[in-house]
Amino acid sequence: MAEKELNNEIENVENEVTESKKDKGDKKPEKKKGPGIGRKILNVFKDYKGEIKKITWPTPKQTLHNTLVVIGAMVLVGVFVFLLDTAFSEVVELLAGIGK
C-alpha cells in the first residue's frame, strides 16, 4: 500500500513538472504598450518648442558684425583667386609662346 502511494506521489510530481514546463514554453512575453502615434507626434512638437526656447539669438549689432566679416572674407578670397588666375594665365601664355 505504501508503495502504491509513493508511485502516485511520484506521478503527481512528474505531472506538475511537465505542466510547469509547458506553461513556460507557451507564454509569450507581453509587449509594453507605449503612447499612440498621435501622442508621439504631440511629444515631438512639445520637444521642438522647448528647444526653440533654448536658442540664444544674436543681437542686431552682432548680426551686422558677422555679416560684414563674411562679406570681407568673400572679397579677400575673390581678390586672391583673381590674382592666382591672372598669374597662371601669364605663365601659360609665356610657356605656350603666345605672349607678346
PDB file of N, CA and C in Angstrom:
ATOM      1  N   MET A   1       0.811  -1.178   0.000  1.00  0.00           N
ATOM      2  CA  MET A   1       0.000   0.000   0.000  1.00  0.00           C
ATOM      3  C   MET A   1       0.865   1.256   0.000  1.00  0.00           C
ATOM      4  N   ALA A   2       1.913   1.271   0.783  1.00  0.00           N
ATOM      5  CA  ALA A   2       2.814   2.411   0.852  1.00  0.00           C
ATOM      6  C   ALA A   2       3.507   2.600  -0.485  1.00  0.00           C
ATOM      7  N   GLU A   3       3.791   1.477  -1.153  1.00  0.00           N
ATOM      8  CA  GLU A   3       4.457   1.557  -2.455  1.00  0.00           C
ATOM      9  C   GLU A   3       3.534   2.202  -3.485  1.00  0.00           C
ATOM     10  N   LYS A   4       2.259   1.883  -3.413  1.00  0.00           N
ATOM     11  CA  LYS A   4       1.281   2.447  -4.331  1.00  0.00           C
ATOM     12  C   LYS A   4       1.133   3.958  -4.106  1.00  0.00           C
ATOM     13  N   GLU A   5       1.120   4.384  -2.873  1.00  0.00           N
ATOM     14  CA  GLU A   5       1.022   5.802  -2.550  1.00  0.00           C
ATOM     15  C   GLU A   5       2.268   6.557  -3.022  1.00  0.00           C
ATOM     16  N   LEU A   6       3.433   5.911  -2.862  1.00  0.00           N
ATOM     17  CA  LEU A   6       4.686   6.521  -3.296  1.00  0.00           C
ATOM     18  C   LEU A   6       4.693   6.692  -4.815  1.00  0.00           C
ATOM     19  N   ASN A   7       4.216   5.693  -5.560  1.00  0.00           N
ATOM     20  CA  ASN A   7       4.151   5.796  -7.020  1.00  0.00           C
ATOM     21  C   ASN A   7       3.188   6.909  -7.447  1.00  0.00           C
ATOM     22  N   ASN A   8       2.054   7.009  -6.770  1.00  0.00           N
ATOM     23  CA  ASN A   8       1.102   8.085  -7.058  1.00  0.00           C
ATOM     24  C   ASN A   8       1.726   9.458  -6.805  1.00  0.00           C
ATOM     25  N   GLU A   9       2.450   9.566  -5.728  1.00  0.00           N
ATOM     26  CA  GLU A   9       3.109  10.831  -5.392  1.00  0.00           C
ATOM     27  C   GLU A   9       4.153  11.199  -6.453  1.00  0.00           C
ATOM     28  N   ILE A  10       4.912  10.214  -6.905  1.00  0.00           N
ATOM     29  CA  ILE A  10       5.916  10.450  -7.950  1.00  0.00           C
ATOM     30  C   ILE A  10       5.242  10.897  -9.233  1.00  0.00           C
ATOM     31  N   GLU A  11       4.134  10.255  -9.605  1.00  0.00           N
ATOM     32  CA  GLU A  11       3.393  10.645 -10.812  1.00  0.00           C
ATOM     33  C   GLU A  11       2.875  12.082 -10.695  1.00  0.00           C
ATOM     34  N   ASN A  12       2.374  12.439  -9.536  1.00  0.00           N
ATOM     35  CA  ASN A  12       1.877  13.806  -9.323  1.00  0.00           C
ATOM     36  C   ASN A  12       2.991  14.839  -9.500  1.00  0.00           C
ATOM     37  N   VAL A  13       4.146  14.541  -8.941  1.00  0.00           N
ATOM     38  CA  VAL A  13       5.270  15.461  -9.063  1.00  0.00           C
ATOM     39  C   VAL A  13       5.708  15.569 -10.519  1.00  0.00           C
ATOM     40  N   GLU A  14       5.774  14.417 -11.221  1.00  0.00           N
ATOM     41  CA  GLU A  14       6.156  14.439 -12.636  1.00  0.00           C
ATOM     42  C   GLU A  14       5.153  15.236 -13.462  1.00  0.00           C
ATOM     43  N   ASN A  15       3.887  15.093 -13.178  1.00  0.00           N
ATOM     44  CA  ASN A  15       2.856  15.849 -13.895  1.00  0.00           C
ATOM     45  C   ASN A  15       2.992  17.349 -13.653  1.00  0.00           C
ATOM     46  N   GLU A  16       3.268  17.709 -12.400  1.00  0.00           N
ATOM     47  CA  GLU A  16       3.444  19.124 -12.080  1.00  0.00           C
ATOM     48  C   GLU A  16       4.643  19.717 -12.819  1.00  0.00           C
ATOM     49  N   VAL A  17       5.748  18.951 -12.870  1.00  0.00           N
ATOM     50  CA  VAL A  17       6.942  19.420 -13.571  1.00  0.00           C
ATOM     51  C   VAL A  17       6.648  19.563 -15.057  1.00  0.00           C
ATOM     52  N   THR A  18       5.956  18.584 -15.645  1.00  0.00           N
ATOM     53  CA  THR A  18       5.629  18.638 -17.068  1.00  0.00           C
ATOM     54  C   THR A  18       4.721  19.817 -17.372  1.00  0.00           C
ATOM     55  N   GLU A  19       3.730  20.043 -16.528  1.00  0.00           N
ATOM     56  CA  GLU A  19       2.809  21.157 -16.735  1.00  0.00           C
ATOM     57  C   GLU A  19       3.524  22.503 -16.598  1.00  0.00           C
ATOM     58  N   SER A  20       4.447  22.598 -15.642  1.00  0.00           N
ATOM     59  CA  SER A  20       5.161  23.866 -15.475  1.00  0.00           C
ATOM     60  C   SER A  20       6.074  24.126 -16.672  1.00  0.00           C
ATOM     61  N   LYS A  21       6.652  23.090 -17.253  1.00  0.00           N
ATOM     62  CA  LYS A  21       7.472  23.262 -18.453  1.00  0.00           C
ATOM     63  C   LYS A  21       6.611  23.704 -19.623  1.00  0.00           C
ATOM     64  N   LYS A  22       5.415  23.142 -19.750  1.00  0.00           N
ATOM     65  CA  LYS A  22       4.504  23.533 -20.826  1.00  0.00           C
ATOM     66  C   LYS A  22       4.085  24.987 -20.668  1.00  0.00           C
ATOM     67  N   ASP A  23       3.805  25.381 -19.434  1.00  0.00           N
ATOM     68  CA  ASP A  23       3.380  26.752 -19.169  1.00  0.00           C
ATOM     69  C   ASP A  23       4.474  27.747 -19.544  1.00  0.00           C
ATOM     70  N   LYS A  24       5.714  27.408 -19.237  1.00  0.00           N
ATOM     71  CA  LYS A  24       6.822  28.312 -19.546  1.00  0.00           C
ATOM     72  C   LYS A  24       7.025  28.430 -21.045  1.00  0.00           C
ATOM     73  N   GLY A  25       6.893  27.355 -21.780  1.00  0.00           N
ATOM     74  CA  GLY A  25       7.102  27.375 -23.222  1.00  0.00           C
ATOM     75  C   GLY A  25       5.989  28.071 -23.968  1.00  0.00           C
ATOM     76  N   ASP A  26       4.778  28.034 -23.442  1.00  0.00           N
ATOM     77  CA  ASP A  26       3.635  28.615 -24.130  1.00  0.00           C
ATOM     78  C   ASP A  26       3.533  30.123 -23.932  1.00  0.00           C
ATOM     79  N   LYS A  27       4.109  30.638 -22.882  1.00  0.00           N
ATOM     80  CA  LYS A  27       3.953  32.051 -22.589  1.00  0.00           C
ATOM     81  C   LYS A  27       4.831  32.883 -23.513  1.00  0.00           C
ATOM     82  N   LYS A  28       4.227  33.906 -24.085  1.00  0.00           N
ATOM     83  CA  LYS A  28       4.965  34.857 -24.897  1.00  0.00           C
ATOM     84  C   LYS A  28       5.150  36.107 -24.057  1.00  0.00           C
ATOM     85  N   PRO A  29       6.297  36.737 -24.209  1.00  0.00           N
ATOM     86  CA  PRO A  29       6.490  37.963 -23.418  1.00  0.00           C
ATOM     87  C   PRO A  29       5.479  39.021 -23.837  1.00  0.00           C
ATOM     88  N   GLU A  30       4.921  39.676 -22.842  1.00  0.00           N
ATOM     89  CA  GLU A  30       3.920  40.697 -23.119  1.00  0.00           C
ATOM     90  C   GLU A  30       4.598  41.965 -23.614  1.00  0.00           C
ATOM     91  N   LYS A  31       4.028  42.552 -24.660  1.00  0.00           N
ATOM     92  CA  LYS A  31       4.573  43.794 -25.188  1.00  0.00           C
ATOM     93  C   LYS A  31       4.068  44.942 -24.329  1.00  0.00           C
ATOM     94  N   LYS A  32       4.992  45.841 -24.029  1.00  0.00           N
ATOM     95  CA  LYS A  32       4.597  47.022 -23.274  1.00  0.00           C
ATOM     96  C   LYS A  32       3.925  47.986 -24.237  1.00  0.00           C
ATOM     97  N   LYS A  33       2.780  48.453 -23.857  1.00  0.00           N
ATOM     98  CA  LYS A  33       2.064  49.389 -24.709  1.00  0.00           C
ATOM     99  C   LYS A  33       2.538  50.795 -24.390  1.00  0.00           C
ATOM    100  N   GLY A  34       3.096  51.442 -25.400  1.00  0.00           N
ATOM    101  CA  GLY A  34       3.570  52.810 -25.246  1.00  0.00           C
ATOM    102  C   GLY A  34       2.508  53.767 -25.742  1.00  0.00           C
ATOM    103  N   PRO A  35       2.877  55.016 -25.851  1.00  0.00           N
ATOM    104  CA  PRO A  35       1.916  56.007 -26.343  1.00  0.00           C
ATOM    105  C   PRO A  35       1.598  55.769 -27.817  1.00  0.00           C
ATOM    106  N   GLY A  36       0.406  56.173 -28.224  1.00  0.00           N
ATOM    107  CA  GLY A  36      -0.019  56.009 -29.604  1.00  0.00           C
ATOM    108  C   GLY A  36       0.698  56.985 -30.516  1.00  0.00           C
ATOM    109  N   ILE A  37       0.453  56.873 -31.809  1.00  0.00           N
ATOM    110  CA  ILE A  37       1.135  57.705 -32.800  1.00  0.00           C
ATOM    111  C   ILE A  37       0.789  59.180 -32.613  1.00  0.00           C
ATOM    112  N   GLY A  38      -0.450  59.472 -32.266  1.00  0.00           N
ATOM    113  CA  GLY A  38      -0.840  60.866 -32.039  1.00  0.00           C
ATOM    114  C   GLY A  38      -0.085  61.479 -30.876  1.00  0.00           C
ATOM    115  N   ARG A  39       0.063  60.723 -29.804  1.00  0.00           N
ATOM    116  CA  ARG A  39       0.779  61.201 -28.623  1.00  0.00           C
ATOM    117  C   ARG A  39       2.258  61.397 -28.954  1.00  0.00           C
ATOM    118  N   LYS A  40       2.836  60.512 -29.778  1.00  0.00           N
ATOM    119  CA  LYS A  40       4.242  60.642 -30.161  1.00  0.00           C
ATOM    120  C   LYS A  40       4.468  61.923 -30.964  1.00  0.00           C
ATOM    121  N   ILE A  41       3.571  62.201 -31.904  1.00  0.00           N
ATOM    122  CA  ILE A  41       3.686  63.412 -32.708  1.00  0.00           C
ATOM    123  C   ILE A  41       3.566  64.646 -31.823  1.00  0.00           C
ATOM    124  N   LEU A  42       2.627  64.616 -30.898  1.00  0.00           N
ATOM    125  CA  LEU A  42       2.452  65.733 -29.970  1.00  0.00           C
ATOM    126  C   LEU A  42       3.717  65.942 -29.136  1.00  0.00           C
ATOM    127  N   ASN A  43       4.333  64.856 -28.695  1.00  0.00           N
ATOM    128  CA  ASN A  43       5.565  64.957 -27.908  1.00  0.00           C
ATOM    129  C   ASN A  43       6.704  65.562 -28.725  1.00  0.00           C
ATOM    130  N   VAL A  44       6.758  65.227 -30.011  1.00  0.00           N
ATOM    131  CA  VAL A  44       7.804  65.799 -30.872  1.00  0.00           C
ATOM    132  C   VAL A  44       7.663  67.306 -30.940  1.00  0.00           C
ATOM    133  N   PHE A  45       6.433  67.782 -31.137  1.00  0.00           N
ATOM    134  CA  PHE A  45       6.230  69.222 -31.227  1.00  0.00           C
ATOM    135  C   PHE A  45       6.463  69.925 -29.892  1.00  0.00           C
ATOM    136  N   LYS A  46       6.148  69.263 -28.788  1.00  0.00           N
ATOM    137  CA  LYS A  46       6.436  69.848 -27.473  1.00  0.00           C
ATOM    138  C   LYS A  46       7.942  69.968 -27.269  1.00  0.00           C
ATOM    139  N   ASP A  47       8.681  68.930 -27.658  1.00  0.00           N
ATOM    140  CA  ASP A  47      10.138  68.966 -27.547  1.00  0.00           C
ATOM    141  C   ASP A  47      10.718  70.050 -28.443  1.00  0.00           C
ATOM    142  N   TYR A  48      10.161  70.185 -29.648  1.00  0.00           N
ATOM    143  CA  TYR A  48      10.609  71.196 -30.606  1.00  0.00           C
ATOM    144  C   TYR A  48      10.435  72.594 -30.012  1.00  0.00           C
ATOM    145  N   LYS A  49       9.294  72.830 -29.423  1.00  0.00           N
ATOM    146  CA  LYS A  49       9.009  74.134 -28.829  1.00  0.00           C
ATOM    147  C   LYS A  49       9.980  74.420 -27.680  1.00  0.00           C
ATOM    148  N   GLY A  50      10.269  73.419 -26.891  1.00  0.00           N
ATOM    149  CA  GLY A  50      11.216  73.585 -25.784  1.00  0.00           C
ATOM    150  C   GLY A  50      12.621  73.898 -26.273  1.00  0.00           C
ATOM    151  N   GLU A  51      13.039  73.249 -27.364  1.00  0.00           N
ATOM    152  CA  GLU A  51      14.372  73.505 -27.905  1.00  0.00           C
ATOM    153  C   GLU A  51      14.472  74.896 -28.507  1.00  0.00           C
ATOM    154  N   ILE A  52      13.410  75.355 -29.152  1.00  0.00           N
ATOM    155  CA  ILE A  52      13.403  76.706 -29.739  1.00  0.00           C
ATOM    156  C   ILE A  52      13.585  77.750 -28.636  1.00  0.00           C
ATOM    157  N   LYS A  53      12.998  77.520 -27.477  1.00  0.00           N
ATOM    158  CA  LYS A  53      13.121  78.476 -26.374  1.00  0.00           C
ATOM    159  C   LYS A  53      14.554  78.551 -25.841  1.00  0.00           C
ATOM    160  N   LYS A  54      15.349  77.483 -26.042  1.00  0.00           N
ATOM    161  CA  LYS A  54      16.716  77.447 -25.530  1.00  0.00           C
ATOM    162  C   LYS A  54      17.703  78.185 -26.434  1.00  0.00           C
ATOM    163  N   ILE A  55      17.307  78.541 -27.640  1.00  0.00           N
ATOM    164  CA  ILE A  55      18.219  79.177 -28.588  1.00  0.00           C
ATOM    165  C   ILE A  55      18.570  80.585 -28.111  1.00  0.00           C
ATOM    166  N   THR A  56      19.846  80.919 -28.214  1.00  0.00           N
ATOM    167  CA  THR A  56      20.305  82.269 -27.913  1.00  0.00           C
ATOM    168  C   THR A  56      20.472  82.986 -29.240  1.00  0.00           C
ATOM    169  N   TRP A  57      19.562  83.896 -29.538  1.00  0.00           N
ATOM    170  CA  TRP A  57      19.582  84.608 -30.809  1.00  0.00           C
ATOM    171  C   TRP A  57      20.558  85.771 -30.729  1.00  0.00           C
ATOM    172  N   PRO A  58      21.295  86.038 -31.827  1.00  0.00           N
ATOM    173  CA  PRO A  58      22.234  87.169 -31.802  1.00  0.00           C
ATOM    174  C   PRO A  58      21.487  88.500 -31.857  1.00  0.00           C
ATOM    175  N   THR A  59      22.134  89.513 -31.318  1.00  0.00           N
ATOM    176  CA  THR A  59      21.551  90.855 -31.366  1.00  0.00           C
ATOM    177  C   THR A  59      21.724  91.415 -32.781  1.00  0.00           C
ATOM    178  N   PRO A  60      20.980  92.458 -33.144  1.00  0.00           N
ATOM    179  CA  PRO A  60      21.163  93.058 -34.474  1.00  0.00           C
ATOM    180  C   PRO A  60      22.600  93.542 -34.705  1.00  0.00           C
ATOM    181  N   LYS A  61      23.249  94.041 -33.658  1.00  0.00           N
ATOM    182  CA  LYS A  61      24.631  94.500 -33.784  1.00  0.00           C
ATOM    183  C   LYS A  61      25.559  93.326 -34.115  1.00  0.00           C
ATOM    184  N   GLN A  62      25.367  92.196 -33.424  1.00  0.00           N
ATOM    185  CA  GLN A  62      26.173  91.003 -33.701  1.00  0.00           C
ATOM    186  C   GLN A  62      25.922  90.489 -35.117  1.00  0.00           C
ATOM    187  N   THR A  63      24.674  90.537 -35.548  1.00  0.00           N
ATOM    188  CA  THR A  63      24.327  90.073 -36.893  1.00  0.00           C
ATOM    189  C   THR A  63      25.008  90.934 -37.948  1.00  0.00           C
ATOM    190  N   LEU A  64      24.991  92.260 -37.763  1.00  0.00           N
ATOM    191  CA  LEU A  64      25.656  93.176 -38.700  1.00  0.00           C
ATOM    192  C   LEU A  64      27.157  92.902 -38.733  1.00  0.00           C
ATOM    193  N   HIS A  65      27.764  92.745 -37.569  1.00  0.00           N
ATOM    194  CA  HIS A  65      29.200  92.478 -37.490  1.00  0.00           C
ATOM    195  C   HIS A  65      29.547  91.182 -38.218  1.00  0.00           C
ATOM    196  N   ASN A  66      28.806  90.130 -37.954  1.00  0.00           N
ATOM    197  CA  ASN A  66      29.072  88.840 -38.598  1.00  0.00           C
ATOM    198  C   ASN A  66      28.882  88.931 -40.111  1.00  0.00           C
ATOM    199  N   THR A  67      27.871  89.661 -40.554  1.00  0.00           N
ATOM    200  CA  THR A  67      27.629  89.830 -41.983  1.00  0.00           C
ATOM    201  C   THR A  67      28.796  90.548 -42.647  1.00  0.00           C
ATOM    202  N   LEU A  68      29.297  91.605 -42.009  1.00  0.00           N
ATOM    203  CA  LEU A  68      30.436  92.341 -42.566  1.00  0.00           C
ATOM    204  C   LEU A  68      31.701  91.472 -42.610  1.00  0.00           C
ATOM    205  N   VAL A  69      31.894  90.636 -41.605  1.00  0.00           N
ATOM    206  CA  VAL A  69      33.048  89.731 -41.604  1.00  0.00           C
ATOM    207  C   VAL A  69      32.951  88.756 -42.780  1.00  0.00           C
ATOM    208  N   VAL A  70      31.777  88.214 -43.029  1.00  0.00           N
ATOM    209  CA  VAL A  70      31.595  87.269 -44.134  1.00  0.00           C
ATOM    210  C   VAL A  70      31.822  87.957 -45.470  1.00  0.00           C
ATOM    211  N   ILE A  71      31.280  89.159 -45.640  1.00  0.00           N
ATOM    212  CA  ILE A  71      31.470  89.889 -46.900  1.00  0.00           C
ATOM    213  C   ILE A  71      32.951  90.215 -47.101  1.00  0.00           C
ATOM    214  N   GLY A  72      33.630  90.635 -46.046  1.00  0.00           N
ATOM    215  CA  GLY A  72      35.071  90.917 -46.133  1.00  0.00           C
ATOM    216  C   GLY A  72      35.864  89.686 -46.524  1.00  0.00           C
ATOM    217  N   ALA A  73      35.551  88.548 -45.922  1.00  0.00           N
ATOM    218  CA  ALA A  73      36.249  87.308 -46.258  1.00  0.00           C
ATOM    219  C   ALA A  73      36.006  86.931 -47.715  1.00  0.00           C
ATOM    220  N   MET A  74      34.775  87.133 -48.205  1.00  0.00           N
ATOM    221  CA  MET A  74      34.471  86.826 -49.610  1.00  0.00           C
ATOM    222  C   MET A  74      35.279  87.708 -50.548  1.00  0.00           C
ATOM    223  N   VAL A  75      35.411  88.991 -50.225  1.00  0.00           N
ATOM    224  CA  VAL A  75      36.179  89.917 -51.066  1.00  0.00           C
ATOM    225  C   VAL A  75      37.648  89.497 -51.089  1.00  0.00           C
ATOM    226  N   LEU A  76      38.199  89.170 -49.910  1.00  0.00           N
ATOM    227  CA  LEU A  76      39.605  88.747 -49.853  1.00  0.00           C
ATOM    228  C   LEU A  76      39.852  87.474 -50.662  1.00  0.00           C
ATOM    229  N   VAL A  77      38.991  86.507 -50.524  1.00  0.00           N
ATOM    230  CA  VAL A  77      39.150  85.261 -51.280  1.00  0.00           C
ATOM    231  C   VAL A  77      38.989  85.536 -52.770  1.00  0.00           C
ATOM    232  N   GLY A  78      38.050  86.384 -53.151  1.00  0.00           N
ATOM    233  CA  GLY A  78      37.856  86.733 -54.554  1.00  0.00           C
ATOM    234  C   GLY A  78      39.091  87.389 -55.155  1.00  0.00           C
ATOM    235  N   VAL A  79      39.697  88.336 -54.422  1.00  0.00           N
ATOM    236  CA  VAL A  79      40.913  89.007 -54.893  1.00  0.00           C
ATOM    237  C   VAL A  79      42.053  88.001 -55.019  1.00  0.00           C
ATOM    238  N   PHE A  80      42.182  87.109 -54.036  1.00  0.00           N
ATOM    239  CA  PHE A  80      43.241  86.092 -54.063  1.00  0.00           C
ATOM    240  C   PHE A  80      43.086  85.179 -55.279  1.00  0.00           C
ATOM    241  N   VAL A  81      41.872  84.711 -55.543  1.00  0.00           N
ATOM    242  CA  VAL A  81      41.624  83.840 -56.696  1.00  0.00           C
ATOM    243  C   VAL A  81      41.881  84.602 -58.001  1.00  0.00           C
ATOM    244  N   PHE A  82      41.495  85.881 -58.059  1.00  0.00           N
ATOM    245  CA  PHE A  82      41.748  86.701 -59.257  1.00  0.00           C
ATOM    246  C   PHE A  82      43.243  86.822 -59.529  1.00  0.00           C
ATOM    247  N   LEU A  83      44.033  87.085 -58.472  1.00  0.00           N
ATOM    248  CA  LEU A  83      45.483  87.218 -58.635  1.00  0.00           C
ATOM    249  C   LEU A  83      46.114  85.902 -59.077  1.00  0.00           C
ATOM    250  N   LEU A  84      45.678  84.801 -58.480  1.00  0.00           N
ATOM    251  CA  LEU A  84      46.195  83.496 -58.898  1.00  0.00           C
ATOM    252  C   LEU A  84      45.844  83.209 -60.354  1.00  0.00           C
ATOM    253  N   ASP A  85      44.625  83.485 -60.748  1.00  0.00           N
ATOM    254  CA  ASP A  85      44.180  83.240 -62.119  1.00  0.00           C
ATOM    255  C   ASP A  85      44.995  84.077 -63.099  1.00  0.00           C
ATOM    256  N   THR A  86      45.213  85.330 -62.764  1.00  0.00           N
ATOM    257  CA  THR A  86      45.994  86.211 -63.632  1.00  0.00           C
ATOM    258  C   THR A  86      47.436  85.708 -63.748  1.00  0.00           C
ATOM    259  N   ALA A  87      48.025  85.314 -62.623  1.00  0.00           N
ATOM    260  CA  ALA A  87      49.410  84.826 -62.638  1.00  0.00           C
ATOM    261  C   ALA A  87      49.528  83.552 -63.458  1.00  0.00           C
ATOM    262  N   PHE A  88      48.638  82.615 -63.258  1.00  0.00           N
ATOM    263  CA  PHE A  88      48.701  81.361 -64.011  1.00  0.00           C
ATOM    264  C   PHE A  88      48.454  81.591 -65.503  1.00  0.00           C
ATOM    265  N   SER A  89      47.575  82.519 -65.827  1.00  0.00           N
ATOM    266  CA  SER A  89      47.331  82.836 -67.243  1.00  0.00           C
ATOM    267  C   SER A  89      48.594  83.381 -67.898  1.00  0.00           C
ATOM    268  N   GLU A  90      49.299  84.252 -67.207  1.00  0.00           N
ATOM    269  CA  GLU A  90      50.551  84.809 -67.731  1.00  0.00           C
ATOM    270  C   GLU A  90      51.607  83.725 -67.923  1.00  0.00           C
ATOM    271  N   VAL A  91      51.697  82.820 -66.958  1.00  0.00           N
ATOM    272  CA  VAL A  91      52.682  81.725 -67.042  1.00  0.00           C
ATOM    273  C   VAL A  91      52.341  80.829 -68.230  1.00  0.00           C
ATOM    274  N   VAL A  92      51.097  80.498 -68.439  1.00  0.00           N
ATOM    275  CA  VAL A  92      50.700  79.638 -69.540  1.00  0.00           C
ATOM    276  C   VAL A  92      50.969  80.345 -70.882  1.00  0.00           C
ATOM    277  N   GLU A  93      50.684  81.626 -70.968  1.00  0.00           N
ATOM    278  CA  GLU A  93      50.942  82.374 -72.200  1.00  0.00           C
ATOM    279  C   GLU A  93      52.432  82.402 -72.518  1.00  0.00           C
ATOM    280  N   LEU A  94      53.268  82.584 -71.517  1.00  0.00           N
ATOM    281  CA  LEU A  94      54.723  82.597 -71.728  1.00  0.00           C
ATOM    282  C   LEU A  94      55.226  81.232 -72.181  1.00  0.00           C
ATOM    283  N   LEU A  95      54.743  80.174 -71.533  1.00  0.00           N
ATOM    284  CA  LEU A  95      55.184  78.823 -71.881  1.00  0.00           C
ATOM    285  C   LEU A  95      54.687  78.406 -73.278  1.00  0.00           C
ATOM    286  N   ALA A  96      53.513  78.821 -73.628  1.00  0.00           N
ATOM    287  CA  ALA A  96      52.949  78.440 -74.921  1.00  0.00           C
ATOM    288  C   ALA A  96      53.499  79.316 -76.039  1.00  0.00           C
ATOM    289  N   GLY A  97      54.141  80.413 -75.705  1.00  0.00           N
ATOM    290  CA  GLY A  97      54.723  81.297 -76.696  1.00  0.00           C
ATOM    291  C   GLY A  97      53.717  82.148 -77.399  1.00  0.00           C
ATOM    292  N   ILE A  98      52.539  82.292 -76.816  1.00  0.00           N
ATOM    293  CA  ILE A  98      51.536  83.131 -77.460  1.00  0.00           C
ATOM    294  C   ILE A  98      51.534  84.531 -76.877  1.00  0.00           C
ATOM    295  N   GLY A  99      52.510  84.786 -76.014  1.00  0.00           N
ATOM    296  CA  GLY A  99      52.605  86.112 -75.421  1.00  0.00           C
ATOM    297  C   GLY A  99      53.191  87.107 -76.408  1.00  0.00           C
ATOM    298  N   LYS A 100      53.256  88.353 -76.089  1.00  0.00           N
ATOM    299  CA  LYS A 100      53.733  89.421 -76.972  1.00  0.00           C
ATOM    300  C   LYS A 100      55.170  89.334 -77.262  1.00  0.00           C
TER     301      LYS A 100
END
